[in-house]
Protein backbone atom coordinates (compact mmCIF):
# COMPACT_ATOMS: atom_id res chain seq x y z
CA UNK A 1 11.60 -13.31 18.53
CA UNK A 2 11.24 -14.49 14.88
CA UNK A 3 7.92 -14.05 13.07
CA UNK A 4 6.25 -16.90 11.18
CA UNK A 5 4.10 -16.51 8.08
CA UNK A 6 1.48 -18.71 9.74
CA UNK A 7 1.20 -16.10 12.53
CA UNK A 8 0.69 -13.30 9.98
CA UNK A 9 -2.04 -15.29 8.22
CA UNK A 10 -3.94 -15.61 11.51
CA UNK A 11 -4.13 -11.80 11.69
CA UNK A 12 -5.71 -11.40 8.24
CA UNK A 13 -9.34 -10.20 8.05
CA UNK A 14 -11.73 -13.03 8.83
CA UNK A 15 -13.45 -12.82 5.45
CA UNK A 16 -10.26 -13.36 3.39
CA UNK A 17 -10.98 -17.03 2.65
CA UNK A 18 -14.56 -16.25 1.58
CA UNK A 19 -13.33 -13.51 -0.75
CA UNK A 20 -10.89 -15.85 -2.45
CA UNK A 21 -13.60 -18.49 -2.86
CA UNK A 22 -16.00 -15.90 -4.29
CA UNK A 23 -13.35 -14.79 -6.80
CA UNK A 24 -12.75 -18.39 -7.83
CA UNK A 25 -16.46 -18.92 -8.43
CA UNK A 26 -16.82 -15.63 -10.31
CA UNK A 27 -13.83 -15.93 -12.64
CA UNK A 28 -13.36 -19.67 -13.16
CA UNK A 29 -15.54 -19.99 -16.25
CA UNK A 30 -14.50 -16.63 -17.69
CA UNK A 31 -10.81 -17.46 -17.41
CA UNK A 32 -11.30 -20.88 -19.02
CA UNK A 33 -13.19 -19.27 -21.90
CA UNK A 34 -10.42 -16.71 -22.38
CA UNK A 35 -7.73 -19.42 -22.36
CA UNK A 36 -9.66 -21.48 -24.91
CA UNK A 37 -9.85 -18.45 -27.17
CA UNK A 38 -6.17 -17.52 -26.78
CA UNK A 39 -4.64 -21.01 -26.98
CA UNK A 40 -7.34 -22.69 -29.10
CA UNK A 41 -6.83 -25.73 -26.88
CA UNK A 42 -9.60 -27.70 -25.19
CA UNK A 43 -9.73 -29.75 -22.01
CA UNK A 44 -11.00 -32.85 -23.76
CA UNK A 45 -9.80 -36.07 -25.38
CA UNK A 46 -11.24 -37.36 -28.63
CA UNK A 47 -12.55 -40.93 -28.39
CA UNK A 48 -12.59 -43.60 -31.08
CA UNK A 49 -15.85 -43.73 -33.04
CA UNK A 50 -16.05 -47.43 -32.24
CA UNK A 51 -16.35 -46.45 -28.57
CA UNK A 52 -19.18 -44.05 -29.19
CA UNK A 53 -17.21 -41.08 -30.49
CA UNK A 54 -17.98 -38.84 -27.52
CA UNK A 55 -15.17 -36.67 -26.22
CA UNK A 56 -13.82 -37.32 -22.76
CA UNK A 57 -13.63 -34.14 -20.72
CA UNK A 58 -10.49 -33.44 -18.68
CA UNK A 59 -11.51 -32.23 -15.25
CA UNK A 60 -9.31 -29.66 -13.50
CA UNK A 61 -10.89 -29.19 -10.05
CA UNK A 62 -9.98 -26.10 -8.02
CA UNK A 63 -9.74 -26.08 -4.23
CA UNK A 64 -9.23 -23.12 -1.89
CA UNK A 65 -7.05 -24.20 1.03
CA UNK A 66 -5.88 -22.69 4.33
CA UNK A 67 -2.32 -22.59 5.56
CA UNK A 68 0.80 -22.67 3.45
CA UNK A 69 1.79 -24.73 0.39
CA UNK A 70 4.57 -27.27 0.75
CA UNK A 71 7.23 -24.85 -0.45
CA UNK A 72 6.59 -22.50 2.49
CA UNK A 73 5.94 -25.04 5.24
CA UNK A 74 9.56 -25.59 6.43
CA UNK A 75 10.37 -23.23 9.28
CA UNK A 76 13.42 -21.84 7.50
CA UNK A 77 11.20 -20.84 4.55
CA UNK A 78 8.56 -19.01 6.58
CA UNK A 79 10.60 -17.53 9.44
CA UNK A 80 11.22 -13.78 9.30
CA UNK A 81 14.19 -12.57 11.32
CA UNK A 82 13.42 -10.36 14.31
CA UNK A 83 15.44 -7.49 12.82
CA UNK A 84 12.56 -7.02 10.35
CA UNK A 85 9.88 -6.95 13.04
CA UNK A 86 9.14 -3.21 12.67
CA UNK A 87 8.76 -3.52 8.90
CA UNK A 88 6.45 -6.50 9.32
CA UNK A 89 4.34 -4.64 11.91
CA UNK A 90 4.01 -1.69 9.51
CA UNK A 91 3.38 -3.84 6.44
CA UNK A 92 -0.45 -3.94 6.75
CA UNK A 93 -0.47 -0.14 6.62
CA UNK A 94 1.88 0.24 3.65
CA UNK A 95 -0.63 1.82 1.29
CA UNK A 96 -2.03 4.20 3.93
CA UNK A 97 1.45 5.32 4.98
CA UNK A 98 2.60 5.95 1.41
CA UNK A 99 -0.59 7.88 0.61
CA UNK A 100 -0.24 10.01 3.78
CA UNK A 101 3.41 10.81 3.02
CA UNK A 102 2.78 11.75 -0.60
CA UNK A 103 -0.34 13.82 0.05
CA UNK A 104 1.22 15.55 3.09
CA UNK A 105 4.28 16.48 1.03
CA UNK A 106 2.05 17.91 -1.70
CA UNK A 107 0.03 19.95 0.80
CA UNK A 108 3.17 21.33 2.43
CA UNK A 109 5.02 22.20 -0.76
CA UNK A 110 2.13 23.31 -2.97
CA UNK A 111 -1.20 23.99 -1.23
CA UNK A 112 -0.03 25.89 1.86
CA UNK A 113 2.28 28.25 -0.12
CA UNK A 114 -0.60 28.90 -2.51
CA UNK A 115 -2.93 29.83 0.36
CA UNK A 116 -0.29 32.13 1.82
CA UNK A 117 -0.03 34.00 -1.47
CA UNK A 118 -3.80 34.56 -1.71
CA UNK A 119 -5.66 37.17 0.34
CA UNK A 120 -8.69 34.97 0.93
CA UNK A 121 -6.54 31.87 1.32
CA UNK A 122 -4.66 33.42 4.24
CA UNK A 123 -7.90 33.41 6.22
CA UNK A 124 -7.68 29.59 6.34
CA UNK A 125 -4.24 29.65 7.91
CA UNK A 126 -4.49 29.74 11.71
CA UNK A 127 -1.11 28.25 12.60
CA UNK A 128 -2.13 24.61 12.58
CA UNK A 129 -0.92 24.27 9.00
CA UNK A 130 2.60 24.09 10.38
CA UNK A 131 1.75 20.64 11.75
CA UNK A 132 1.38 19.15 8.28
CA UNK A 133 5.09 19.24 7.45
CA UNK A 134 6.31 17.45 10.60
CA UNK A 135 3.48 14.91 10.21
CA UNK A 136 4.37 13.78 6.71
CA UNK A 137 8.09 13.76 7.54
CA UNK A 138 7.36 11.46 10.49
CA UNK A 139 5.35 9.18 8.22
CA UNK A 140 8.20 9.29 5.70
CA UNK A 141 10.49 7.86 8.40
CA UNK A 142 8.00 5.01 8.88
CA UNK A 143 8.00 4.38 5.15
CA UNK A 144 11.80 4.13 5.23
CA UNK A 145 11.60 1.58 8.04
CA UNK A 146 9.00 -0.31 6.04
CA UNK A 147 11.27 -0.34 2.96
CA UNK A 148 13.95 -2.35 4.79
CA UNK A 149 11.96 -5.56 4.26
CA UNK A 150 9.83 -6.68 1.31
CA UNK A 151 7.29 -9.24 2.53
CA UNK A 152 6.09 -10.19 -0.95
CA UNK A 153 9.62 -10.83 -2.24
CA UNK A 154 10.39 -12.84 0.89
CA UNK A 155 7.40 -15.11 0.26
CA UNK A 156 8.19 -15.53 -3.43
CA UNK A 157 11.90 -16.31 -3.02
CA UNK A 158 11.08 -20.03 -2.92
CA UNK A 159 10.99 -19.74 -6.74
CA UNK A 160 7.87 -21.84 -7.19
CA UNK A 161 4.13 -21.28 -7.23
CA UNK A 162 3.06 -20.54 -3.65
CA UNK A 163 -0.04 -18.40 -4.14
CA UNK A 164 -1.54 -21.33 -5.98
CA UNK A 165 -0.26 -24.73 -7.12
CA UNK A 166 -0.92 -26.76 -10.27
CA UNK A 167 -0.61 -30.46 -9.38
CA UNK A 168 -0.53 -33.52 -11.65
CA UNK A 169 0.53 -37.17 -11.54
CA UNK A 170 3.44 -38.62 -13.53
CA UNK A 171 3.36 -42.30 -14.59
CA UNK A 172 6.07 -44.19 -16.44
CA UNK A 173 3.85 -46.48 -18.53
CA UNK A 174 0.80 -44.33 -19.26
CA UNK A 175 -0.30 -40.70 -19.31
CA UNK A 176 -3.08 -39.91 -16.84
CA UNK A 177 -2.03 -36.70 -15.01
CA UNK A 178 -5.32 -36.14 -13.16
CA UNK A 179 -4.57 -32.38 -12.87
CA UNK A 180 -5.89 -30.16 -10.10
CA UNK A 181 -5.37 -26.65 -8.76
CA UNK A 182 -4.98 -25.43 -5.20
CA UNK A 183 -5.36 -21.78 -4.15
CA UNK A 184 -3.90 -20.74 -0.79
CA UNK A 185 -6.09 -17.96 0.54
CA UNK A 186 -3.69 -16.99 3.35
CA UNK A 187 -0.75 -16.31 1.03
CA UNK A 188 -3.04 -14.51 -1.42
CA UNK A 189 -4.37 -12.36 1.42
CA UNK A 190 -0.89 -11.45 2.72
CA UNK A 191 0.47 -10.47 -0.69
CA UNK A 192 -2.70 -8.64 -1.77
CA UNK A 193 -2.50 -6.46 1.33
CA UNK A 194 1.22 -5.87 0.88
CA UNK A 195 0.76 -4.85 -2.76
CA UNK A 196 -2.30 -2.74 -2.04
CA UNK A 197 -4.60 -4.64 -4.42
CA UNK A 198 -7.97 -6.28 -3.87
CA UNK A 199 -7.90 -9.89 -2.68
CA UNK A 200 -10.35 -10.79 -5.45
CA UNK A 201 -8.15 -9.31 -8.18
CA UNK A 202 -5.02 -11.13 -7.03
CA UNK A 203 -6.96 -14.38 -6.63
CA UNK A 204 -8.11 -14.04 -10.26
CA UNK A 205 -4.51 -13.52 -11.43
CA UNK A 206 -3.37 -16.63 -9.54
CA UNK A 207 -6.26 -18.68 -10.91
CA UNK A 208 -5.48 -17.54 -14.47
CA UNK A 209 -1.83 -18.52 -14.02
CA UNK A 210 -2.60 -22.00 -12.70
CA UNK A 211 -5.26 -22.66 -15.34
CA UNK A 212 -2.76 -21.54 -17.99
CA UNK A 213 -0.49 -24.34 -16.71
CA UNK A 214 -3.37 -26.77 -17.18
CA UNK A 215 -4.26 -25.63 -20.70
CA UNK A 216 -0.66 -25.62 -21.96
CA UNK A 217 -0.13 -29.08 -20.43
CA UNK A 218 -3.28 -31.17 -20.95
CA UNK A 219 -5.19 -28.98 -23.43
CA UNK A 220 -5.76 -30.73 -26.76
CA UNK A 221 -5.15 -29.05 -30.11
CA UNK A 222 -7.08 -29.65 -33.35
CA UNK A 223 -5.13 -32.87 -33.90
CA UNK A 224 -5.95 -34.08 -30.38
CA UNK A 225 -2.33 -33.65 -29.29
CA UNK A 226 -1.27 -32.51 -25.83
CA UNK A 227 1.98 -32.21 -23.86
CA UNK A 228 3.23 -35.60 -22.72
CA UNK A 229 3.23 -35.40 -18.93
CA UNK A 230 6.71 -36.87 -18.50
CA UNK A 231 8.17 -34.33 -20.92
CA UNK A 232 6.14 -31.53 -19.36
CA UNK A 233 7.38 -32.51 -15.92
CA UNK A 234 11.04 -32.53 -17.06
CA UNK A 235 10.79 -29.30 -19.02
CA UNK A 236 12.44 -26.27 -17.45
CA UNK A 237 10.57 -24.26 -14.84
CA UNK A 238 11.34 -21.12 -16.82
CA UNK A 239 9.56 -22.37 -19.93
CA UNK A 240 6.49 -23.59 -18.06
CA UNK A 241 6.23 -20.43 -15.97
CA UNK A 242 6.91 -18.24 -18.99
CA UNK A 243 4.01 -19.80 -20.91
CA UNK A 244 1.71 -19.50 -17.89
CA UNK A 245 2.69 -15.86 -17.41
CA UNK A 246 2.26 -15.09 -21.11
CA UNK A 247 -1.29 -16.40 -21.21
CA UNK A 248 -2.11 -14.84 -17.84
CA UNK A 249 -1.40 -11.43 -19.38
CA UNK A 250 -3.70 -12.16 -22.32
CA UNK A 251 -6.44 -13.31 -19.95
CA UNK A 252 -6.06 -10.13 -17.87
CA UNK A 253 -6.46 -8.08 -21.03
CA UNK A 254 -9.61 -9.94 -22.02
CA UNK A 255 -11.15 -9.50 -18.55
CA UNK A 256 -10.07 -5.89 -18.11
CA UNK A 257 -13.46 -4.39 -18.95
CA UNK A 258 -15.24 -6.70 -16.53
CA UNK A 259 -12.60 -6.42 -13.78
CA UNK A 260 -10.01 -3.66 -14.42
CA UNK A 261 -8.17 -4.36 -11.17
CA UNK A 262 -6.93 -7.75 -12.38
CA UNK A 263 -4.39 -6.36 -14.82
CA UNK A 264 -3.18 -3.83 -12.25
CA UNK A 265 -2.70 -6.64 -9.72
CA UNK A 266 -0.61 -8.61 -12.22
CA UNK A 267 1.57 -5.57 -12.93
CA UNK A 268 2.20 -4.97 -9.23
CA UNK A 269 3.03 -8.62 -8.59
CA UNK A 270 5.37 -9.12 -11.55
CA UNK A 271 8.38 -7.05 -10.31
CA UNK A 272 8.42 -9.09 -7.09
CA UNK A 273 8.53 -12.47 -8.83
CA UNK A 274 11.72 -14.54 -9.44
CA UNK A 275 13.50 -14.74 -12.80
CA UNK A 276 11.57 -17.80 -14.00
CA UNK A 277 8.41 -15.69 -14.09
CA UNK A 278 10.01 -13.17 -16.46
CA UNK A 279 11.02 -15.55 -19.27
CA UNK A 280 8.03 -14.44 -21.38
CA UNK A 281 9.47 -10.92 -21.56
CA UNK A 282 11.95 -12.26 -24.13
CA UNK A 283 9.02 -12.94 -26.46
CA UNK A 284 7.72 -9.36 -26.55
CA UNK A 285 8.49 -8.97 -30.28
CA UNK A 286 6.51 -12.11 -31.17
CA UNK A 287 2.80 -12.10 -31.85
CA UNK A 288 0.40 -14.34 -29.90
CA UNK A 289 0.06 -16.54 -32.98
CA UNK A 290 3.82 -17.06 -33.11
CA UNK A 291 3.95 -17.94 -29.43
CA UNK A 292 1.07 -20.36 -29.86
CA UNK A 293 2.76 -21.96 -32.88
CA UNK A 294 6.01 -22.45 -30.92
CA UNK A 295 4.08 -23.84 -27.95
CA UNK A 296 2.33 -26.43 -30.14
CA UNK A 297 5.64 -27.44 -31.70
CA UNK A 298 7.47 -27.89 -28.40
CA UNK A 299 4.57 -29.97 -27.04
CA UNK A 300 4.88 -32.31 -30.02
CA UNK A 301 8.59 -33.04 -29.59
CA UNK A 302 9.94 -35.92 -27.53
CA UNK A 303 12.52 -33.65 -25.91
CA UNK A 304 12.24 -31.78 -22.63
CA UNK A 305 11.47 -28.12 -23.26
CA UNK A 306 13.77 -25.21 -22.43
CA UNK A 307 13.46 -21.45 -23.02
CA UNK A 308 16.31 -21.68 -25.55
CA UNK A 309 14.52 -24.38 -27.56
CA UNK A 310 11.30 -22.39 -27.41
CA UNK A 311 12.99 -19.22 -28.68
CA UNK A 312 14.48 -21.19 -31.56
CA UNK A 313 10.99 -22.38 -32.47
CA UNK A 314 9.79 -18.78 -32.23
CA UNK A 315 12.41 -17.69 -34.75
CA UNK A 316 11.33 -20.46 -37.12
CA UNK A 317 7.71 -19.37 -36.68
CA UNK A 318 8.51 -15.80 -37.68
CA UNK A 319 9.19 -16.67 -41.31
CA UNK A 320 5.81 -18.21 -42.20
CA UNK A 321 3.75 -16.32 -39.65
CA UNK A 322 4.99 -12.77 -39.59
CA UNK A 323 7.76 -10.22 -39.46
CA UNK A 324 9.87 -9.76 -36.32
CA UNK A 325 9.67 -6.41 -34.62
CA UNK A 326 6.16 -5.57 -35.74
CA UNK A 327 3.38 -5.05 -33.23
CA UNK A 328 0.36 -7.33 -33.04
CA UNK A 329 -1.79 -4.64 -34.68
CA UNK A 330 0.68 -4.25 -37.54
CA UNK A 331 0.81 -7.98 -38.11
CA UNK A 332 -2.94 -8.53 -37.82
CA UNK A 333 -3.39 -8.53 -41.63
CA UNK A 334 -0.91 -11.40 -41.85
CA UNK A 335 -3.28 -13.61 -39.85
CA UNK A 336 -6.52 -12.44 -41.47
CA UNK A 337 -7.77 -14.69 -44.28
CA UNK A 338 -8.14 -12.80 -47.56
CA UNK A 339 -11.65 -11.75 -48.46
CA UNK A 340 -13.23 -13.73 -51.28
CA UNK A 341 -13.37 -11.92 -54.63
CA UNK A 342 -16.50 -9.93 -55.29
CA UNK A 343 -18.37 -11.52 -58.15
CA UNK A 344 -20.97 -9.84 -60.28
CA UNK A 345 -24.23 -11.79 -59.89
CA UNK A 346 -25.49 -10.45 -63.22
CA UNK A 347 -22.57 -11.95 -65.12
CA UNK A 348 -23.61 -15.03 -67.13
CA UNK A 349 -20.36 -16.78 -66.13
CA UNK A 350 -21.22 -16.59 -62.42
CA UNK A 351 -23.70 -18.96 -60.87
CA UNK A 352 -25.02 -17.99 -57.43
CA UNK A 353 -24.35 -20.57 -54.75
CA UNK A 354 -27.23 -21.98 -52.70
CA UNK A 355 -28.00 -20.06 -49.51
CA UNK A 356 -27.06 -22.96 -47.25
CA UNK A 357 -23.61 -23.09 -48.85
CA UNK A 358 -23.00 -19.34 -48.63
CA UNK A 359 -23.80 -19.29 -44.92
CA UNK A 360 -21.92 -22.41 -43.94
CA UNK A 361 -19.18 -21.86 -41.35
CA UNK A 362 -16.23 -23.97 -40.30
CA UNK A 363 -16.55 -25.64 -36.88
CA UNK A 364 -14.33 -24.30 -34.11
CA UNK A 365 -11.46 -26.59 -33.03
CA UNK A 366 -12.07 -28.49 -29.82
């Protein structure tokens, strides 16, 4: 009898939804701050001074939902063939089984021989140690049965966001996307358990990814420009997912001290994701500033974006912004403004500036 994803979600721990909601509340502001710092884009629209001059904030509400997103709702998308039943039954115990197998193998091949070679160690051997080898070999057979089906890859084969969804409206005559984000706690719970990561950490990764979609789409730059929704909608999935993935990594790095499991969750999820979620790997030799420059340029064009167009813009950005092949640390001096010359206050040609002028700072872009 086939197995449905909806049936597996019903068997998740009862607190899964609450844990996803708690993660959303904990990381929402921190992720938005990190994205503002990395993209230097703001969720606001500048208003005409005649209308009061106050910026209009772009709201991106986040909702945690039960069930499955649209991409997984058709029966053919969520039905697991009965031949994989054993693997599905074992899936919740994946991490425990792998740990048992690996530790049992180590005990059999290293610890027990060591005890046998030591006079005092032999006192601990009463015959029961011979049970360890058959035990881990039995568990190894379970691991092999488990390896015949990859639940996470099965869920992600729909080649679209299913852990969370970034939604927006497209209008022909005006641009009012009204963006919003949905997080599906059941899918997050299933994949977190299958990957052996905390539900909270995976929920934070998903939230970062969906908010990265929002910032790259409706976030305004210093010139109050954003990505036209019709062009964003028609741009390739690979480009949009690549940008979201790229900034998700940077967010994970920024939050690593506060929540080290987030980056680990991203790394475990990445190999299971479809090709569109690996486009950013082609940009590994470009610095964050180059990627940001290319992103701003492609948002300003009237053409629909593709990975090929983006990579061409990256190559153009390399000339004024840096040298290809260098690491971010090596290129850091290229993006650091030169220090002002040191003047000798005692020199009669130098007149000291007023204190208010020396301490004045430039405002941050909105």
